[in-house]
Every structure is written in structure tokens, then in C-alpha cells.
Amino acid sequence: MSRGGQAERQHGMRGGNAVPPADPQSFDTFAGDYDRYSDLHDPLGDWLAARLAELALHGGRALDAGCGSGRHAQALADTYDEVVAADLSPALIETARLRRPHAKVRYEALDLHHVTDEAGFDLVVCMATLHHVPDLDKALQHLRSLVRPGGTAILVDNVSPRPTPARWAYITGAVYELPADLVRLGPRDAWWLFRFRTGRRWLDHLLSDRYLTRGQYERRYAAAFPGAAFDDLGFAHAMVWHHDAA
């Protein structure tokens, strides 16, 4: 997903120097596995599809900011004429271009702050991305500036009573989900998903995240998007805001 600052790259051995550790926030080192994970487990994608249908949103131009490997951008192309899909990770963008090419979707390896468009967008979507940005208020104001009059912003992000849940909480969650995943996916994909969720790279990534509480989320987002409506998704919180055409 997109972040507010460029992730440090992992370099090979040079002049006998040890390889520096990879940035745990970066998706570049496990983009392919993350794409498979998103295929197997995407409750936010299901929520987004239902919300778009409920609001009957469709039309001209849409932006998916922090598009990852392109699953939501591809879905947006079903109802929008043009979709710009941006993510900070070049590896995720390359995965999106290879696995989810679409005539209506333009994938760009960009920090969300560098997404600019004078024409603006009829829909701005940002899913499970904004907890990565170093300056949330700046990011929210920038996303708002990209919404055309009459357009809509849909922003969703994880929330938690603690800024960073403990490692054991994620492992316990993976164990809890396994029986249902075995029924839903079958043993092969369910066990792969369990190993991914409890693997070091994914857990290190999750432990680098910092979340808002539900109350903090509503205060910060409402300051940038006055009049927004909020939806409690359990592990996440959603915001829908319509730009008054008047």
C-alpha cells in the first residue's frame, strides 16, 4: 500500500558490508505473497463493492490511492470510465500491471501526495493505507483536494484501541480464523493463508503499523471532511463523504 515517504530499498553486499535489514513497512519484498493473501482474504473489498452498489456510484474518473496489487482498481473499472491506481511500492504496481491489466486502469508507482490532477476525480478511494503516512492530516487534505464537486470520497482504515496490537494478538487471530478458512478455501489455500499470517515478514510489517482508535479516526477525518458519514467495520472504520456540488 501507499505510504507518505519512500521506503528504503534493500541492497546487496557491497565492499563486504552486510545487507541492511529491509524496511518492515515495505511491501516490495513480498508483493507476490501479499497479492495472493489479498485474493484469499479481502473483507474490505467485499464491503467496498456493496457500498458502491448501495450508493449507485458510477461515471467518469476514479482514483484508487494505495491500490496495492490492483484488486479494487480492477473492480472500479466495471463502473468508471477511467481509473488511476497509485501505490508507493513499484513491486506491487508491477504485480498489478502483470496480473490485473485493464484498458480503463492506469497504474502509477507514486506516493499518494504526488498524485495530482487538475481535472479531479468523481470518486477517490483509499483502503487500509493511511495508517502508513507520516502526516495523516496533510494526506487527508490532499485526498480531499482531488475530489471534484459532486464527487465522493471513500476512505477506510484499520483502527485499534492500542496503536500497535501485540504479536500474539495477530497469531491468535490467525488460529481463530483457520477453521472457517478450511471450510471456505479448502486445506491448500487455508494452510497457505495461515502460514502467511503467522510468518515473520507479515508480522514484522504489522508491528510497524500505528493505528488510531475509532474516536481518533472520526475526529481527524471529520476535520478534513466535514459532514462525513462513518461506518464501524469491526477491525476497521470507514468514511464516506460527498463533495457538495454547490
C-alpha atoms as a PDB file:
ATOM      1  CA  MET A   1       0.000   0.000   0.000  1.00  0.00           C
ATOM      2  CA  SER A   2       0.938   3.593  -0.432  1.00  0.00           C
ATOM      3  CA  ARG A   3       2.883   5.408   2.285  1.00  0.00           C
ATOM      4  CA  GLY A   4       3.840   9.025   2.817  1.00  0.00           C
ATOM      5  CA  GLY A   5       7.595   8.515   2.393  1.00  0.00           C
ATOM      6  CA  GLN A   6       9.645   6.374   0.038  1.00  0.00           C
ATOM      7  CA  ALA A   7      10.588   3.034   1.595  1.00  0.00           C
ATOM      8  CA  GLU A   8      14.271   2.332   1.909  1.00  0.00           C
ATOM      9  CA  ARG A   9      15.419  -0.269  -0.606  1.00  0.00           C
ATOM     10  CA  GLN A  10      17.204  -3.448   0.355  1.00  0.00           C
ATOM     11  CA  HIS A  11      20.684  -3.579  -1.194  1.00  0.00           C
ATOM     12  CA  GLY A  12      23.040  -6.493  -1.840  1.00  0.00           C
ATOM     13  CA  MET A  13      26.532  -6.998  -0.450  1.00  0.00           C
ATOM     14  CA  ARG A  14      28.892  -4.172  -1.396  1.00  0.00           C
ATOM     15  CA  GLY A  15      32.505  -3.989  -0.388  1.00  0.00           C
ATOM     16  CA  GLY A  16      31.981  -6.590   2.333  1.00  0.00           C
ATOM     17  CA  ASN A  17      29.186  -4.639   4.019  1.00  0.00           C
ATOM     18  CA  ALA A  18      26.307  -6.637   5.455  1.00  0.00           C
ATOM     19  CA  VAL A  19      22.899  -6.376   3.829  1.00  0.00           C
ATOM     20  CA  PRO A  20      20.857  -3.812   5.796  1.00  0.00           C
ATOM     21  CA  PRO A  21      17.513  -5.066   7.077  1.00  0.00           C
ATOM     22  CA  ALA A  22      14.509  -4.492   4.840  1.00  0.00           C
ATOM     23  CA  ASP A  23      12.044  -1.812   5.872  1.00  0.00           C
ATOM     24  CA  PRO A  24       9.239  -3.792   7.571  1.00  0.00           C
ATOM     25  CA  GLN A  25       6.648  -1.348   6.208  1.00  0.00           C
ATOM     26  CA  SER A  26       7.701  -2.008   2.609  1.00  0.00           C
ATOM     27  CA  PHE A  27       5.672  -4.439   0.525  1.00  0.00           C
ATOM     28  CA  ASP A  28       8.409  -4.709  -2.089  1.00  0.00           C
ATOM     29  CA  THR A  29       9.989  -7.850  -0.645  1.00  0.00           C
ATOM     30  CA  PHE A  30       6.741  -9.855  -0.551  1.00  0.00           C
ATOM     31  CA  ALA A  31       4.500  -8.285  -3.196  1.00  0.00           C
ATOM     32  CA  GLY A  32       3.566 -11.616  -4.791  1.00  0.00           C
ATOM     33  CA  ASP A  33       2.607 -13.211  -1.484  1.00  0.00           C
ATOM     34  CA  TYR A  34       0.649 -10.120  -0.475  1.00  0.00           C
ATOM     35  CA  ASP A  35      -1.278 -10.307  -3.744  1.00  0.00           C
ATOM     36  CA  ARG A  36      -2.222 -13.924  -3.051  1.00  0.00           C
ATOM     37  CA  TYR A  37      -3.168 -13.025   0.527  1.00  0.00           C
ATOM     38  CA  SER A  38      -5.470 -10.275  -0.798  1.00  0.00           C
ATOM     39  CA  ASP A  39      -7.112 -12.747  -3.173  1.00  0.00           C
ATOM     40  CA  LEU A  40      -7.826 -15.125  -0.310  1.00  0.00           C
ATOM     41  CA  HIS A  41      -8.830 -12.565   2.327  1.00  0.00           C
ATOM     42  CA  ASP A  42     -10.340  -9.220   1.363  1.00  0.00           C
ATOM     43  CA  PRO A  43     -13.269  -8.272   3.620  1.00  0.00           C
ATOM     44  CA  LEU A  44     -12.723  -4.588   2.803  1.00  0.00           C
ATOM     45  CA  GLY A  45     -13.096  -5.356  -0.888  1.00  0.00           C
ATOM     46  CA  ASP A  46     -16.424  -7.057  -0.226  1.00  0.00           C
ATOM     47  CA  TRP A  47     -17.569  -4.057   1.836  1.00  0.00           C
ATOM     48  CA  LEU A  48     -16.462  -1.614  -0.868  1.00  0.00           C
ATOM     49  CA  ALA A  49     -18.329  -3.470  -3.606  1.00  0.00           C
ATOM     50  CA  ALA A  50     -21.515  -3.481  -1.517  1.00  0.00           C
ATOM     51  CA  ARG A  51     -21.150   0.224  -0.653  1.00  0.00           C
ATOM     52  CA  LEU A  52     -20.574   1.253  -4.269  1.00  0.00           C
ATOM     53  CA  ALA A  53     -23.674  -0.679  -5.300  1.00  0.00           C
ATOM     54  CA  GLU A  54     -25.719   0.821  -2.465  1.00  0.00           C
ATOM     55  CA  LEU A  55     -24.670   4.360  -3.376  1.00  0.00           C
ATOM     56  CA  ALA A  56     -25.052   3.612  -7.104  1.00  0.00           C
ATOM     57  CA  LEU A  57     -21.726   5.281  -7.787  1.00  0.00           C
ATOM     58  CA  HIS A  58     -20.515   5.232 -11.381  1.00  0.00           C
ATOM     59  CA  GLY A  59     -19.352   7.575 -14.080  1.00  0.00           C
ATOM     60  CA  GLY A  60     -16.218   9.307 -15.197  1.00  0.00           C
ATOM     61  CA  ARG A  61     -12.964   9.168 -13.258  1.00  0.00           C
ATOM     62  CA  ALA A  62     -11.938   7.262 -10.138  1.00  0.00           C
ATOM     63  CA  LEU A  63      -8.742   7.206  -8.077  1.00  0.00           C
ATOM     64  CA  ASP A  64      -7.564   4.247  -6.005  1.00  0.00           C
ATOM     65  CA  ALA A  65      -4.891   5.745  -3.729  1.00  0.00           C
ATOM     66  CA  GLY A  66      -2.744   2.999  -2.224  1.00  0.00           C
ATOM     67  CA  CYS A  67      -4.018   0.469  -4.750  1.00  0.00           C
ATOM     68  CA  GLY A  68      -1.720  -2.401  -3.776  1.00  0.00           C
ATOM     69  CA  SER A  69      -1.824  -5.069  -6.485  1.00  0.00           C
ATOM     70  CA  GLY A  70      -4.902  -3.629  -8.154  1.00  0.00           C
ATOM     71  CA  ARG A  71      -7.859  -5.699  -6.945  1.00  0.00           C
ATOM     72  CA  HIS A  72     -10.057  -2.737  -6.050  1.00  0.00           C
ATOM     73  CA  ALA A  73      -8.942  -0.698  -9.059  1.00  0.00           C
ATOM     74  CA  GLN A  74      -9.994  -3.502 -11.363  1.00  0.00           C
ATOM     75  CA  ALA A  75     -13.396  -3.601  -9.674  1.00  0.00           C
ATOM     76  CA  LEU A  76     -13.797   0.176 -10.034  1.00  0.00           C
ATOM     77  CA  ALA A  77     -13.227  -0.170 -13.788  1.00  0.00           C
ATOM     78  CA  ASP A  78     -16.547  -2.025 -14.015  1.00  0.00           C
ATOM     79  CA  THR A  79     -18.443   1.211 -13.312  1.00  0.00           C
ATOM     80  CA  TYR A  80     -15.981   4.046 -14.079  1.00  0.00           C
ATOM     81  CA  ASP A  81     -14.673   5.128 -17.464  1.00  0.00           C
ATOM     82  CA  GLU A  82     -11.133   5.804 -16.233  1.00  0.00           C
ATOM     83  CA  VAL A  83      -9.308   4.617 -13.095  1.00  0.00           C
ATOM     84  CA  VAL A  84      -5.972   5.916 -11.842  1.00  0.00           C
ATOM     85  CA  ALA A  85      -4.419   3.416  -9.421  1.00  0.00           C
ATOM     86  CA  ALA A  86      -1.396   4.636  -7.462  1.00  0.00           C
ATOM     87  CA  ASP A  87       0.832   2.937  -4.918  1.00  0.00           C
ATOM     88  CA  LEU A  88       4.226   3.740  -3.461  1.00  0.00           C
ATOM     89  CA  SER A  89       5.524   0.192  -3.992  1.00  0.00           C
ATOM     90  CA  PRO A  90       6.919  -0.386  -7.514  1.00  0.00           C
ATOM     91  CA  ALA A  91       6.765  -4.134  -6.868  1.00  0.00           C
ATOM     92  CA  LEU A  92       3.034  -4.006  -6.140  1.00  0.00           C
ATOM     93  CA  ILE A  93       2.409  -1.811  -9.183  1.00  0.00           C
ATOM     94  CA  GLU A  94       4.340  -4.244 -11.378  1.00  0.00           C
ATOM     95  CA  THR A  95       2.291  -7.090  -9.913  1.00  0.00           C
ATOM     96  CA  ALA A  96      -0.901  -5.166 -10.698  1.00  0.00           C
ATOM     97  CA  ARG A  97       0.174  -4.491 -14.285  1.00  0.00           C
ATOM     98  CA  LEU A  98       1.040  -8.155 -14.838  1.00  0.00           C
ATOM     99  CA  ARG A  99      -1.888  -9.789 -13.058  1.00  0.00           C
ATOM    100  CA  ARG A 100      -4.667  -7.237 -13.444  1.00  0.00           C
ATOM    101  CA  PRO A 101      -4.220  -5.304 -16.672  1.00  0.00           C
ATOM    102  CA  HIS A 102      -7.314  -3.390 -17.728  1.00  0.00           C
ATOM    103  CA  ALA A 103      -7.912  -0.973 -20.575  1.00  0.00           C
ATOM    104  CA  LYS A 104      -9.576   1.506 -18.201  1.00  0.00           C
ATOM    105  CA  VAL A 105      -6.924   1.361 -15.449  1.00  0.00           C
ATOM    106  CA  ARG A 106      -3.650   3.293 -15.382  1.00  0.00           C
ATOM    107  CA  TYR A 107      -1.250   2.044 -12.712  1.00  0.00           C
ATOM    108  CA  GLU A 108       1.295   4.508 -11.328  1.00  0.00           C
ATOM    109  CA  ALA A 109       4.125   3.966  -8.806  1.00  0.00           C
ATOM    110  CA  LEU A 110       3.537   7.147  -6.809  1.00  0.00           C
ATOM    111  CA  ASP A 111       3.422   8.373  -3.244  1.00  0.00           C
ATOM    112  CA  LEU A 112      -0.187   9.436  -2.681  1.00  0.00           C
ATOM    113  CA  HIS A 113       0.990  13.005  -2.009  1.00  0.00           C
ATOM    114  CA  HIS A 114       2.355  13.081  -5.561  1.00  0.00           C
ATOM    115  CA  VAL A 115      -0.948  12.163  -7.185  1.00  0.00           C
ATOM    116  CA  THR A 116      -2.052  15.402  -8.816  1.00  0.00           C
ATOM    117  CA  ASP A 117      -4.776  16.005 -11.359  1.00  0.00           C
ATOM    118  CA  GLU A 118      -6.319  19.361 -12.213  1.00  0.00           C
ATOM    119  CA  ALA A 119      -9.455  17.669 -13.537  1.00  0.00           C
ATOM    120  CA  GLY A 120     -10.048  15.887 -10.223  1.00  0.00           C
ATOM    121  CA  PHE A 121     -11.947  12.653  -9.671  1.00  0.00           C
ATOM    122  CA  ASP A 122     -15.585  11.682  -9.314  1.00  0.00           C
ATOM    123  CA  LEU A 123     -14.556   9.043  -6.775  1.00  0.00           C
ATOM    124  CA  VAL A 124     -11.494   8.876  -4.504  1.00  0.00           C
ATOM    125  CA  VAL A 125     -10.963   5.558  -2.736  1.00  0.00           C
ATOM    126  CA  CYS A 126      -8.246   4.781  -0.182  1.00  0.00           C
ATOM    127  CA  MET A 127      -8.336   1.391   1.521  1.00  0.00           C
ATOM    128  CA  ALA A 128      -6.190   0.335   4.527  1.00  0.00           C
ATOM    129  CA  THR A 129      -3.404   2.733   3.557  1.00  0.00           C
ATOM    130  CA  LEU A 130      -3.480   5.897   5.628  1.00  0.00           C
ATOM    131  CA  HIS A 131      -2.034   4.344   8.789  1.00  0.00           C
ATOM    132  CA  HIS A 132       1.264   4.284   6.850  1.00  0.00           C
ATOM    133  CA  VAL A 133       1.518   8.003   6.140  1.00  0.00           C
ATOM    134  CA  PRO A 134       3.749  10.156   8.405  1.00  0.00           C
ATOM    135  CA  ASP A 135       1.415  13.175   8.233  1.00  0.00           C
ATOM    136  CA  LEU A 136      -2.191  11.989   8.253  1.00  0.00           C
ATOM    137  CA  ASP A 137      -3.790  15.440   8.269  1.00  0.00           C
ATOM    138  CA  LYS A 138      -1.779  16.503   5.222  1.00  0.00           C
ATOM    139  CA  ALA A 139      -2.723  13.295   3.411  1.00  0.00           C
ATOM    140  CA  LEU A 140      -6.420  13.763   4.184  1.00  0.00           C
ATOM    141  CA  GLN A 141      -6.396  17.348   2.931  1.00  0.00           C
ATOM    142  CA  HIS A 142      -4.631  16.236  -0.246  1.00  0.00           C
ATOM    143  CA  LEU A 143      -7.147  13.486  -0.935  1.00  0.00           C
ATOM    144  CA  ARG A 144      -9.995  15.919  -0.370  1.00  0.00           C
ATOM    145  CA  SER A 145      -8.451  18.313  -2.913  1.00  0.00           C
ATOM    146  CA  LEU A 146      -8.680  15.570  -5.554  1.00  0.00           C
ATOM    147  CA  VAL A 147     -12.470  15.138  -5.248  1.00  0.00           C
ATOM    148  CA  ARG A 148     -14.466  17.024  -7.863  1.00  0.00           C
ATOM    149  CA  PRO A 149     -17.565  18.992  -6.830  1.00  0.00           C
ATOM    150  CA  GLY A 150     -20.347  16.441  -6.807  1.00  0.00           C
ATOM    151  CA  GLY A 151     -17.843  13.636  -6.251  1.00  0.00           C
ATOM    152  CA  THR A 152     -17.359  11.181  -3.399  1.00  0.00           C
ATOM    153  CA  ALA A 153     -14.502  10.090  -1.149  1.00  0.00           C
ATOM    154  CA  ILE A 154     -14.477   6.641   0.468  1.00  0.00           C
ATOM    155  CA  LEU A 155     -11.668   6.162   2.965  1.00  0.00           C
ATOM    156  CA  VAL A 156     -11.238   3.024   5.059  1.00  0.00           C
ATOM    157  CA  ASP A 157      -8.502   2.163   7.527  1.00  0.00           C
ATOM    158  CA  ASN A 158      -7.736  -0.203  10.367  1.00  0.00           C
ATOM    159  CA  VAL A 159      -8.419   1.002  13.898  1.00  0.00           C
ATOM    160  CA  SER A 160      -7.394  -0.364  17.283  1.00  0.00           C
ATOM    161  CA  PRO A 161      -7.683   0.527  20.984  1.00  0.00           C
ATOM    162  CA  ARG A 162      -3.873   0.321  21.039  1.00  0.00           C
ATOM    163  CA  PRO A 163      -1.585   1.999  18.480  1.00  0.00           C
ATOM    164  CA  THR A 164       0.040  -1.369  17.732  1.00  0.00           C
ATOM    165  CA  PRO A 165      -1.526  -4.669  18.850  1.00  0.00           C
ATOM    166  CA  ALA A 166       0.892  -7.275  20.212  1.00  0.00           C
ATOM    167  CA  ARG A 167       2.350 -10.017  18.010  1.00  0.00           C
ATOM    168  CA  TRP A 168       0.433 -12.680  19.945  1.00  0.00           C
ATOM    169  CA  ALA A 169      -2.850 -10.963  19.069  1.00  0.00           C
ATOM    170  CA  TYR A 170      -2.235 -11.435  15.347  1.00  0.00           C
ATOM    171  CA  ILE A 171      -1.177 -15.063  15.821  1.00  0.00           C
ATOM    172  CA  THR A 172      -4.258 -15.745  17.942  1.00  0.00           C
ATOM    173  CA  GLY A 173      -6.408 -14.185  15.223  1.00  0.00           C
ATOM    174  CA  ALA A 174      -4.854 -16.444  12.583  1.00  0.00           C
ATOM    175  CA  VAL A 175      -5.570 -19.523  14.716  1.00  0.00           C
ATOM    176  CA  TYR A 176      -9.154 -18.352  15.252  1.00  0.00           C
ATOM    177  CA  GLU A 177      -9.727 -17.833  11.508  1.00  0.00           C
ATOM    178  CA  LEU A 178      -8.219 -21.173  10.423  1.00  0.00           C
ATOM    179  CA  PRO A 179     -11.278 -23.452  10.865  1.00  0.00           C
ATOM    180  CA  ALA A 180     -13.511 -21.135   8.840  1.00  0.00           C
ATOM    181  CA  ASP A 181     -10.794 -20.721   6.201  1.00  0.00           C
ATOM    182  CA  LEU A 182     -10.523 -24.515   5.843  1.00  0.00           C
ATOM    183  CA  VAL A 183     -14.237 -24.652   5.054  1.00  0.00           C
ATOM    184  CA  ARG A 184     -14.210 -21.552   2.830  1.00  0.00           C
ATOM    185  CA  LEU A 185     -10.988 -22.157   0.907  1.00  0.00           C
ATOM    186  CA  GLY A 186     -10.055 -25.801   1.295  1.00  0.00           C
ATOM    187  CA  PRO A 187      -6.918 -27.132   3.013  1.00  0.00           C
ATOM    188  CA  ARG A 188      -4.298 -25.985   0.496  1.00  0.00           C
ATOM    189  CA  ASP A 189      -5.191 -22.280   0.445  1.00  0.00           C
ATOM    190  CA  ALA A 190      -6.253 -22.190   4.099  1.00  0.00           C
ATOM    191  CA  TRP A 191      -2.907 -23.534   5.315  1.00  0.00           C
ATOM    192  CA  TRP A 192      -1.031 -21.170   2.991  1.00  0.00           C
ATOM    193  CA  LEU A 193      -3.022 -18.264   4.398  1.00  0.00           C
ATOM    194  CA  PHE A 194      -2.302 -19.372   7.966  1.00  0.00           C
ATOM    195  CA  ARG A 195       1.438 -19.618   7.292  1.00  0.00           C
ATOM    196  CA  PHE A 196       1.434 -16.164   5.685  1.00  0.00           C
ATOM    197  CA  ARG A 197      -0.453 -14.587   8.585  1.00  0.00           C
ATOM    198  CA  THR A 198       1.923 -16.092  11.149  1.00  0.00           C
ATOM    199  CA  GLY A 199       5.098 -15.602   9.100  1.00  0.00           C
ATOM    200  CA  ARG A 200       7.871 -13.263  10.257  1.00  0.00           C
ATOM    201  CA  ARG A 201       7.707 -10.804   7.351  1.00  0.00           C
ATOM    202  CA  TRP A 202       3.966 -10.216   7.687  1.00  0.00           C
ATOM    203  CA  LEU A 203       4.082  -9.970  11.473  1.00  0.00           C
ATOM    204  CA  ASP A 204       7.070  -7.590  11.322  1.00  0.00           C
ATOM    205  CA  HIS A 205       5.089  -5.470   8.885  1.00  0.00           C
ATOM    206  CA  LEU A 206       2.006  -5.406  11.124  1.00  0.00           C
ATOM    207  CA  LEU A 207       4.110  -4.497  14.145  1.00  0.00           C
ATOM    208  CA  SER A 208       5.438  -1.461  12.253  1.00  0.00           C
ATOM    209  CA  ASP A 209       1.894  -0.122  11.802  1.00  0.00           C
ATOM    210  CA  ARG A 210       0.353   2.557  14.023  1.00  0.00           C
ATOM    211  CA  TYR A 211      -3.423   2.775  14.298  1.00  0.00           C
ATOM    212  CA  LEU A 212      -5.927   5.337  15.527  1.00  0.00           C
ATOM    213  CA  THR A 213      -8.717   4.487  17.906  1.00  0.00           C
ATOM    214  CA  ARG A 214     -12.227   4.710  16.468  1.00  0.00           C
ATOM    215  CA  GLY A 215     -12.803   8.051  18.197  1.00  0.00           C
ATOM    216  CA  GLN A 216      -9.499   9.485  16.981  1.00  0.00           C
ATOM    217  CA  TYR A 217     -10.317   8.331  13.464  1.00  0.00           C
ATOM    218  CA  GLU A 218     -13.653  10.150  13.408  1.00  0.00           C
ATOM    219  CA  ARG A 219     -12.200  13.363  14.848  1.00  0.00           C
ATOM    220  CA  ARG A 220      -9.248  13.519  12.456  1.00  0.00           C
ATOM    221  CA  TYR A 221     -11.173  12.530   9.334  1.00  0.00           C
ATOM    222  CA  ALA A 222     -14.160  14.763  10.104  1.00  0.00           C
ATOM    223  CA  ALA A 223     -11.818  17.750  10.454  1.00  0.00           C
ATOM    224  CA  ALA A 224     -10.758  17.287   6.827  1.00  0.00           C
ATOM    225  CA  PHE A 225     -14.145  16.085   5.539  1.00  0.00           C
ATOM    226  CA  PRO A 226     -16.894  17.992   7.411  1.00  0.00           C
ATOM    227  CA  GLY A 227     -20.238  16.237   7.292  1.00  0.00           C
ATOM    228  CA  ALA A 228     -18.760  12.821   6.519  1.00  0.00           C
ATOM    229  CA  ALA A 229     -20.632   9.643   7.483  1.00  0.00           C
ATOM    230  CA  PHE A 230     -18.810   6.855   9.337  1.00  0.00           C
ATOM    231  CA  ASP A 231     -19.298   3.103   9.426  1.00  0.00           C
ATOM    232  CA  ASP A 232     -17.962   0.668  12.031  1.00  0.00           C
ATOM    233  CA  LEU A 233     -16.469  -2.362  10.251  1.00  0.00           C
ATOM    234  CA  GLY A 234     -15.127  -4.065  13.368  1.00  0.00           C
ATOM    235  CA  PHE A 235     -11.385  -4.136  12.769  1.00  0.00           C
ATOM    236  CA  ALA A 236     -11.635  -1.063  10.531  1.00  0.00           C
ATOM    237  CA  HIS A 237     -13.547   2.207  10.247  1.00  0.00           C
ATOM    238  CA  ALA A 238     -14.956   3.684   7.056  1.00  0.00           C
ATOM    239  CA  MET A 239     -15.747   7.213   5.957  1.00  0.00           C
ATOM    240  CA  VAL A 240     -17.989   8.303   3.084  1.00  0.00           C
ATOM    241  CA  TRP A 241     -18.047  11.981   2.105  1.00  0.00           C
ATOM    242  CA  HIS A 242     -19.862  13.735  -0.718  1.00  0.00           C
ATOM    243  CA  HIS A 243     -18.462  16.964  -2.132  1.00  0.00           C
ATOM    244  CA  ASP A 244     -21.351  19.408  -2.336  1.00  0.00           C
ATOM    245  CA  ALA A 245     -21.614  20.475  -5.961  1.00  0.00           C
ATOM    246  CA  ALA A 246     -22.954  23.848  -4.858  1.00  0.00           C
END
